[in-house]
All heavy atoms as atom14 arrays in JSON, in Angstrom:
{
  "sequence": "IVFATGNAGKMKEIRLIMEDLGCEVVSMKEAGADP",
  "atom14_mask": [
    [1, 1, 1, 1, 1, 1, 1, 1, 0, 0, 0, 0, 0, 0],
    [1, 1, 1, 1, 1, 1, 1, 0, 0, 0, 0, 0, 0, 0],
    [1, 1, 1, 1, 1, 1, 1, 1, 1, 1, 1, 0, 0, 0],
    [1, 1, 1, 1, 1, 0, 0, 0, 0, 0, 0, 0, 0, 0],
    [1, 1, 1, 1, 1, 1, 1, 0, 0, 0, 0, 0, 0, 0],
    [1, 1, 1, 1, 0, 0, 0, 0, 0, 0, 0, 0, 0, 0],
    [1, 1, 1, 1, 1, 1, 1, 1, 0, 0, 0, 0, 0, 0],
    [1, 1, 1, 1, 1, 0, 0, 0, 0, 0, 0, 0, 0, 0],
    [1, 1, 1, 1, 0, 0, 0, 0, 0, 0, 0, 0, 0, 0],
    [1, 1, 1, 1, 1, 1, 1, 1, 1, 0, 0, 0, 0, 0],
    [1, 1, 1, 1, 1, 1, 1, 1, 0, 0, 0, 0, 0, 0],
    [1, 1, 1, 1, 1, 1, 1, 1, 1, 0, 0, 0, 0, 0],
    [1, 1, 1, 1, 1, 1, 1, 1, 1, 0, 0, 0, 0, 0],
    [1, 1, 1, 1, 1, 1, 1, 1, 0, 0, 0, 0, 0, 0],
    [1, 1, 1, 1, 1, 1, 1, 1, 1, 1, 1, 0, 0, 0],
    [1, 1, 1, 1, 1, 1, 1, 1, 0, 0, 0, 0, 0, 0],
    [1, 1, 1, 1, 1, 1, 1, 1, 0, 0, 0, 0, 0, 0],
    [1, 1, 1, 1, 1, 1, 1, 1, 0, 0, 0, 0, 0, 0],
    [1, 1, 1, 1, 1, 1, 1, 1, 1, 0, 0, 0, 0, 0],
    [1, 1, 1, 1, 1, 1, 1, 1, 0, 0, 0, 0, 0, 0],
    [1, 1, 1, 1, 1, 1, 1, 1, 0, 0, 0, 0, 0, 0],
    [1, 1, 1, 1, 0, 0, 0, 0, 0, 0, 0, 0, 0, 0],
    [1, 1, 1, 1, 1, 1, 0, 0, 0, 0, 0, 0, 0, 0],
    [1, 1, 1, 1, 1, 1, 1, 1, 1, 0, 0, 0, 0, 0],
    [1, 1, 1, 1, 1, 1, 1, 0, 0, 0, 0, 0, 0, 0],
    [1, 1, 1, 1, 1, 1, 1, 0, 0, 0, 0, 0, 0, 0],
    [1, 1, 1, 1, 1, 1, 0, 0, 0, 0, 0, 0, 0, 0],
    [1, 1, 1, 1, 1, 1, 1, 1, 0, 0, 0, 0, 0, 0],
    [1, 1, 1, 1, 1, 1, 1, 1, 1, 0, 0, 0, 0, 0],
    [1, 1, 1, 1, 1, 1, 1, 1, 1, 0, 0, 0, 0, 0],
    [1, 1, 1, 1, 1, 0, 0, 0, 0, 0, 0, 0, 0, 0],
    [1, 1, 1, 1, 0, 0, 0, 0, 0, 0, 0, 0, 0, 0],
    [1, 1, 1, 1, 1, 0, 0, 0, 0, 0, 0, 0, 0, 0],
    [1, 1, 1, 1, 1, 1, 1, 1, 0, 0, 0, 0, 0, 0],
    [1, 1, 1, 1, 1, 1, 1, 0, 0, 0, 0, 0, 0, 0]
  ],
  "atom14_positions": [
    [[6.19, -3.85, -8.0], [4.76, -3.53, -7.94], [4.02, -4.78, -7.48], [4.12, -5.84, -8.08], [4.22, -3.09, -9.32], [4.95, -1.83, -9.79], [2.72, -2.82, -9.22], [4.47, -1.34, -11.14], [0.0, 0.0, 0.0], [0.0, 0.0, 0.0], [0.0, 0.0, 0.0], [0.0, 0.0, 0.0], [0.0, 0.0, 0.0], [0.0, 0.0, 0.0]],
    [[3.3, -4.63, -6.39], [2.51, -5.72, -5.84], [1.05, -5.46, -6.15], [0.5, -4.43, -5.75], [2.71, -5.84, -4.31], [1.84, -6.97, -3.77], [4.17, -6.09, -3.98], [0.0, 0.0, 0.0], [0.0, 0.0, 0.0], [0.0, 0.0, 0.0], [0.0, 0.0, 0.0], [0.0, 0.0, 0.0], [0.0, 0.0, 0.0], [0.0, 0.0, 0.0]],
    [[0.41, -6.37, -6.88], [-0.99, -6.23, -7.22], [-1.83, -6.93, -6.17], [-1.62, -8.11, -5.87], [-1.28, -6.8, -8.61], [-1.0, -5.82, -9.71], [0.3, -5.55, -10.08], [-2.02, -5.15, -10.34], [0.57, -4.63, -11.07], [-1.76, -4.23, -11.33], [-0.46, -3.96, -11.7], [0.0, 0.0, 0.0], [0.0, 0.0, 0.0], [0.0, 0.0, 0.0]],
    [[-2.78, -6.2, -5.63], [-3.62, -6.74, -4.56], [-4.71, -7.61, -5.14], [-5.9, -7.31, -5.09], [-4.22, -5.61, -3.74], [0.0, 0.0, 0.0], [0.0, 0.0, 0.0], [0.0, 0.0, 0.0], [0.0, 0.0, 0.0], [0.0, 0.0, 0.0], [0.0, 0.0, 0.0], [0.0, 0.0, 0.0], [0.0, 0.0, 0.0], [0.0, 0.0, 0.0]],
    [[-4.3, -8.71, -5.75], [-5.25, -9.68, -6.29], [-4.63, -11.07, -6.24], [-3.41, -11.21, -6.32], [-5.63, -9.34, -7.75], [-6.61, -10.28, -8.2], [-4.43, -9.39, -8.67], [0.0, 0.0, 0.0], [0.0, 0.0, 0.0], [0.0, 0.0, 0.0], [0.0, 0.0, 0.0], [0.0, 0.0, 0.0], [0.0, 0.0, 0.0], [0.0, 0.0, 0.0]],
    [[-5.47, -12.06, -6.08], [-5.01, -13.43, -6.12], [-5.54, -14.14, -7.35], [-5.38, -15.35, -7.52], [0.0, 0.0, 0.0], [0.0, 0.0, 0.0], [0.0, 0.0, 0.0], [0.0, 0.0, 0.0], [0.0, 0.0, 0.0], [0.0, 0.0, 0.0], [0.0, 0.0, 0.0], [0.0, 0.0, 0.0], [0.0, 0.0, 0.0], [0.0, 0.0, 0.0]],
    [[-6.18, -13.37, -8.26], [-6.79, -13.92, -9.46], [-5.73, -14.18, -10.53], [-5.12, -13.25, -11.05], [-7.85, -12.93, -9.97], [-8.65, -13.49, -11.13], [-8.1, -13.86, -12.14], [-9.96, -13.51, -10.97], [0.0, 0.0, 0.0], [0.0, 0.0, 0.0], [0.0, 0.0, 0.0], [0.0, 0.0, 0.0], [0.0, 0.0, 0.0], [0.0, 0.0, 0.0]],
    [[-5.51, -15.45, -10.85], [-4.47, -15.82, -11.81], [-4.75, -15.25, -13.2], [-3.81, -14.85, -13.91], [-4.35, -17.34, -11.89], [0.0, 0.0, 0.0], [0.0, 0.0, 0.0], [0.0, 0.0, 0.0], [0.0, 0.0, 0.0], [0.0, 0.0, 0.0], [0.0, 0.0, 0.0], [0.0, 0.0, 0.0], [0.0, 0.0, 0.0], [0.0, 0.0, 0.0]],
    [[-6.03, -15.19, -13.6], [-6.37, -14.64, -14.91], [-6.02, -13.17, -15.01], [-5.48, -12.7, -16.02], [0.0, 0.0, 0.0], [0.0, 0.0, 0.0], [0.0, 0.0, 0.0], [0.0, 0.0, 0.0], [0.0, 0.0, 0.0], [0.0, 0.0, 0.0], [0.0, 0.0, 0.0], [0.0, 0.0, 0.0], [0.0, 0.0, 0.0], [0.0, 0.0, 0.0]],
    [[-6.32, -12.42, -13.95], [-5.98, -10.99, -13.94], [-4.47, -10.8, -13.98], [-3.95, -9.94, -14.71], [-6.53, -10.32, -12.68], [-8.03, -10.07, -12.7], [-8.45, -9.3, -11.47], [-9.96, -9.05, -11.46], [-10.38, -8.29, -10.26], [0.0, 0.0, 0.0], [0.0, 0.0, 0.0], [0.0, 0.0, 0.0], [0.0, 0.0, 0.0], [0.0, 0.0, 0.0]],
    [[-3.74, -11.61, -13.2], [-2.29, -11.45, -13.15], [-1.66, -11.74, -14.52], [-0.67, -11.1, -14.9], [-1.69, -12.36, -12.09], [-1.88, -11.87, -10.65], [-1.3, -10.16, -10.36], [0.43, -10.28, -10.86], [0.0, 0.0, 0.0], [0.0, 0.0, 0.0], [0.0, 0.0, 0.0], [0.0, 0.0, 0.0], [0.0, 0.0, 0.0], [0.0, 0.0, 0.0]],
    [[-2.22, -12.68, -15.27], [-1.7, -12.98, -16.6], [-1.83, -11.77, -17.51], [-0.89, -11.39, -18.22], [-2.44, -14.19, -17.19], [-1.9, -14.63, -18.55], [-2.65, -15.87, -19.05], [-2.12, -16.31, -20.41], [-2.83, -17.52, -20.9], [0.0, 0.0, 0.0], [0.0, 0.0, 0.0], [0.0, 0.0, 0.0], [0.0, 0.0, 0.0], [0.0, 0.0, 0.0]],
    [[-3.02, -11.13, -17.48], [-3.24, -9.94, -18.29], [-2.35, -8.8, -17.83], [-1.76, -8.07, -18.64], [-4.71, -9.51, -18.2], [-5.67, -10.45, -18.88], [-7.11, -9.95, -18.81], [-7.3, -8.78, -18.42], [-8.02, -10.71, -19.13], [0.0, 0.0, 0.0], [0.0, 0.0, 0.0], [0.0, 0.0, 0.0], [0.0, 0.0, 0.0], [0.0, 0.0, 0.0]],
    [[-2.26, -8.61, -16.52], [-1.48, -7.52, -15.95], [-0.01, -7.62, -16.36], [0.61, -6.64, -16.77], [-1.61, -7.52, -14.41], [-3.01, -7.03, -14.01], [-0.54, -6.64, -13.77], [-3.37, -7.3, -12.56], [0.0, 0.0, 0.0], [0.0, 0.0, 0.0], [0.0, 0.0, 0.0], [0.0, 0.0, 0.0], [0.0, 0.0, 0.0], [0.0, 0.0, 0.0]],
    [[0.56, -8.82, -16.26], [1.98, -9.0, -16.59], [2.25, -8.7, -18.06], [3.28, -8.12, -18.41], [2.43, -10.4, -16.22], [2.61, -10.61, -14.72], [3.39, -11.9, -14.42], [3.71, -11.98, -13.0], [3.02, -12.69, -12.12], [1.96, -13.41, -12.51], [3.38, -12.71, -10.85], [0.0, 0.0, 0.0], [0.0, 0.0, 0.0], [0.0, 0.0, 0.0]],
    [[1.33, -9.11, -18.94], [1.51, -8.84, -20.37], [1.52, -7.34, -20.65], [2.32, -6.84, -21.44], [0.39, -9.51, -21.18], [0.53, -11.01, -21.43], [-0.74, -11.55, -22.09], [1.74, -11.28, -22.32], [0.0, 0.0, 0.0], [0.0, 0.0, 0.0], [0.0, 0.0, 0.0], [0.0, 0.0, 0.0], [0.0, 0.0, 0.0], [0.0, 0.0, 0.0]],
    [[0.63, -6.62, -19.98], [0.51, -5.19, -20.22], [1.66, -4.41, -19.58], [2.16, -3.42, -20.13], [-0.84, -4.66, -19.7], [-1.97, -5.28, -20.54], [-0.91, -3.14, -19.74], [-3.35, -5.07, -19.96], [0.0, 0.0, 0.0], [0.0, 0.0, 0.0], [0.0, 0.0, 0.0], [0.0, 0.0, 0.0], [0.0, 0.0, 0.0], [0.0, 0.0, 0.0]],
    [[2.12, -4.87, -18.41], [3.12, -4.12, -17.66], [4.56, -4.58, -17.92], [5.5, -4.04, -17.36], [2.84, -4.26, -16.15], [1.45, -3.83, -15.72], [1.14, -2.06, -15.88], [1.94, -1.44, -14.39], [0.0, 0.0, 0.0], [0.0, 0.0, 0.0], [0.0, 0.0, 0.0], [0.0, 0.0, 0.0], [0.0, 0.0, 0.0], [0.0, 0.0, 0.0]],
    [[4.75, -5.59, -18.8], [6.07, -6.2, -18.95], [7.14, -5.22, -19.4], [8.32, -5.35, -19.04], [6.01, -7.39, -19.89], [5.6, -7.07, -21.32], [5.48, -8.32, -22.18], [5.81, -9.41, -21.66], [5.09, -8.22, -23.36], [0.0, 0.0, 0.0], [0.0, 0.0, 0.0], [0.0, 0.0, 0.0], [0.0, 0.0, 0.0], [0.0, 0.0, 0.0]],
    [[6.76, -4.2, -20.2], [7.78, -3.26, -20.69], [8.08, -2.14, -19.69], [8.86, -1.25, -19.97], [7.35, -2.66, -22.03], [6.11, -1.8, -21.92], [5.35, -1.98, -20.95], [5.89, -0.96, -22.82], [0.0, 0.0, 0.0], [0.0, 0.0, 0.0], [0.0, 0.0, 0.0], [0.0, 0.0, 0.0], [0.0, 0.0, 0.0], [0.0, 0.0, 0.0]],
    [[7.47, -2.22, -18.52], [7.73, -1.21, -17.5], [9.12, -1.42, -16.87], [9.7, -0.5, -16.32], [6.66, -1.26, -16.41], [6.57, -0.09, -15.42], [6.42, 1.23, -16.15], [5.42, -0.3, -14.46], [0.0, 0.0, 0.0], [0.0, 0.0, 0.0], [0.0, 0.0, 0.0], [0.0, 0.0, 0.0], [0.0, 0.0, 0.0], [0.0, 0.0, 0.0]],
    [[9.61, -2.66, -16.98], [10.96, -2.93, -16.51], [11.1, -3.11, -15.01], [12.19, -2.96, -14.46], [0.0, 0.0, 0.0], [0.0, 0.0, 0.0], [0.0, 0.0, 0.0], [0.0, 0.0, 0.0], [0.0, 0.0, 0.0], [0.0, 0.0, 0.0], [0.0, 0.0, 0.0], [0.0, 0.0, 0.0], [0.0, 0.0, 0.0], [0.0, 0.0, 0.0]],
    [[9.99, -3.43, -14.33], [10.07, -3.65, -12.89], [9.4, -4.99, -12.55], [8.67, -5.55, -13.36], [9.44, -2.51, -12.1], [7.72, -2.22, -12.52], [0.0, 0.0, 0.0], [0.0, 0.0, 0.0], [0.0, 0.0, 0.0], [0.0, 0.0, 0.0], [0.0, 0.0, 0.0], [0.0, 0.0, 0.0], [0.0, 0.0, 0.0], [0.0, 0.0, 0.0]],
    [[9.63, -5.46, -11.34], [9.06, -6.73, -10.91], [7.57, -6.55, -10.62], [7.16, -5.63, -9.92], [9.77, -7.21, -9.64], [9.31, -8.57, -9.15], [10.0, -8.98, -7.87], [10.68, -8.14, -7.26], [9.84, -10.16, -7.47], [0.0, 0.0, 0.0], [0.0, 0.0, 0.0], [0.0, 0.0, 0.0], [0.0, 0.0, 0.0], [0.0, 0.0, 0.0]],
    [[6.74, -7.43, -11.18], [5.3, -7.39, -10.97], [4.86, -8.69, -10.33], [5.06, -9.77, -10.9], [4.55, -7.19, -12.31], [3.04, -7.24, -12.1], [4.94, -5.87, -12.97], [0.0, 0.0, 0.0], [0.0, 0.0, 0.0], [0.0, 0.0, 0.0], [0.0, 0.0, 0.0], [0.0, 0.0, 0.0], [0.0, 0.0, 0.0], [0.0, 0.0, 0.0]],
    [[4.3, -8.61, -9.13], [3.9, -9.82, -8.4], [2.5, -9.66, -7.82], [2.01, -8.54, -7.64], [4.88, -10.15, -7.25], [6.28, -10.39, -7.79], [4.9, -9.02, -6.22], [0.0, 0.0, 0.0], [0.0, 0.0, 0.0], [0.0, 0.0, 0.0], [0.0, 0.0, 0.0], [0.0, 0.0, 0.0], [0.0, 0.0, 0.0], [0.0, 0.0, 0.0]],
    [[1.86, -10.78, -7.54], [0.57, -10.75, -6.85], [0.83, -10.64, -5.36], [1.95, -10.86, -4.89], [-0.22, -12.03, -7.13], [0.39, -13.13, -6.47], [0.0, 0.0, 0.0], [0.0, 0.0, 0.0], [0.0, 0.0, 0.0], [0.0, 0.0, 0.0], [0.0, 0.0, 0.0], [0.0, 0.0, 0.0], [0.0, 0.0, 0.0], [0.0, 0.0, 0.0]],
    [[-0.21, -10.31, -4.59], [-0.02, -10.17, -3.15], [0.4, -11.49, -2.52], [1.22, -11.52, -1.6], [-1.28, -9.64, -2.48], [-2.45, -10.58, -2.55], [-3.85, -9.91, -1.65], [-4.96, -11.31, -1.72], [0.0, 0.0, 0.0], [0.0, 0.0, 0.0], [0.0, 0.0, 0.0], [0.0, 0.0, 0.0], [0.0, 0.0, 0.0], [0.0, 0.0, 0.0]],
    [[-0.12, -12.6, -3.04], [0.25, -13.89, -2.48], [1.7, -14.22, -2.76], [2.4, -14.8, -1.92], [-0.67, -14.99, -3.03], [-2.09, -14.89, -2.48], [-2.96, -16.05, -2.94], [-4.35, -15.96, -2.35], [-5.23, -17.07, -2.78], [0.0, 0.0, 0.0], [0.0, 0.0, 0.0], [0.0, 0.0, 0.0], [0.0, 0.0, 0.0], [0.0, 0.0, 0.0]],
    [[2.17, -13.84, -3.95], [3.58, -14.05, -4.29], [4.47, -13.19, -3.4], [5.64, -13.51, -3.19], [3.82, -13.73, -5.76], [3.18, -14.73, -6.71], [3.18, -14.27, -8.14], [3.16, -13.04, -8.38], [3.2, -15.14, -9.04], [0.0, 0.0, 0.0], [0.0, 0.0, 0.0], [0.0, 0.0, 0.0], [0.0, 0.0, 0.0], [0.0, 0.0, 0.0]],
    [[3.89, -12.09, -2.9], [4.64, -11.2, -2.01], [4.55, -11.68, -0.56], [5.07, -11.04, 0.34], [4.12, -9.78, -2.13], [0.0, 0.0, 0.0], [0.0, 0.0, 0.0], [0.0, 0.0, 0.0], [0.0, 0.0, 0.0], [0.0, 0.0, 0.0], [0.0, 0.0, 0.0], [0.0, 0.0, 0.0], [0.0, 0.0, 0.0], [0.0, 0.0, 0.0]],
    [[3.85, -12.79, -0.35], [3.76, -13.37, 0.98], [2.63, -12.82, 1.82], [2.64, -12.92, 3.05], [0.0, 0.0, 0.0], [0.0, 0.0, 0.0], [0.0, 0.0, 0.0], [0.0, 0.0, 0.0], [0.0, 0.0, 0.0], [0.0, 0.0, 0.0], [0.0, 0.0, 0.0], [0.0, 0.0, 0.0], [0.0, 0.0, 0.0], [0.0, 0.0, 0.0]],
    [[1.61, -12.24, 1.18], [0.49, -11.66, 1.93], [-0.82, -12.3, 1.49], [-1.03, -12.57, 0.31], [0.43, -10.16, 1.7], [0.0, 0.0, 0.0], [0.0, 0.0, 0.0], [0.0, 0.0, 0.0], [0.0, 0.0, 0.0], [0.0, 0.0, 0.0], [0.0, 0.0, 0.0], [0.0, 0.0, 0.0], [0.0, 0.0, 0.0], [0.0, 0.0, 0.0]],
    [[-1.69, -12.55, 2.43], [-3.0, -13.12, 2.13], [-4.02, -12.56, 3.12], [-4.67, -13.31, 3.85], [-2.95, -14.64, 2.21], [-4.22, -15.27, 1.64], [-4.97, -14.56, 0.96], [-4.44, -16.48, 1.9], [0.0, 0.0, 0.0], [0.0, 0.0, 0.0], [0.0, 0.0, 0.0], [0.0, 0.0, 0.0], [0.0, 0.0, 0.0], [0.0, 0.0, 0.0]],
    [[-4.19, -11.24, 3.15], [-5.06, -10.61, 4.15], [-6.53, -10.71, 3.75], [-6.86, -10.93, 2.6], [-4.6, -9.16, 4.13], [-4.22, -8.96, 2.7], [-3.57, -10.25, 2.28], [0.0, 0.0, 0.0], [0.0, 0.0, 0.0], [0.0, 0.0, 0.0], [0.0, 0.0, 0.0], [0.0, 0.0, 0.0], [0.0, 0.0, 0.0], [0.0, 0.0, 0.0]]
  ]
}
């Protein structure tokens, strides 16, 4: 799951909430995109 955000604060919250989903959670920048 690639989250279309570069906000570190949002990504911290997102990862905590989605951690039990069992899939990789990354920001768009971590996915190599910066549109």
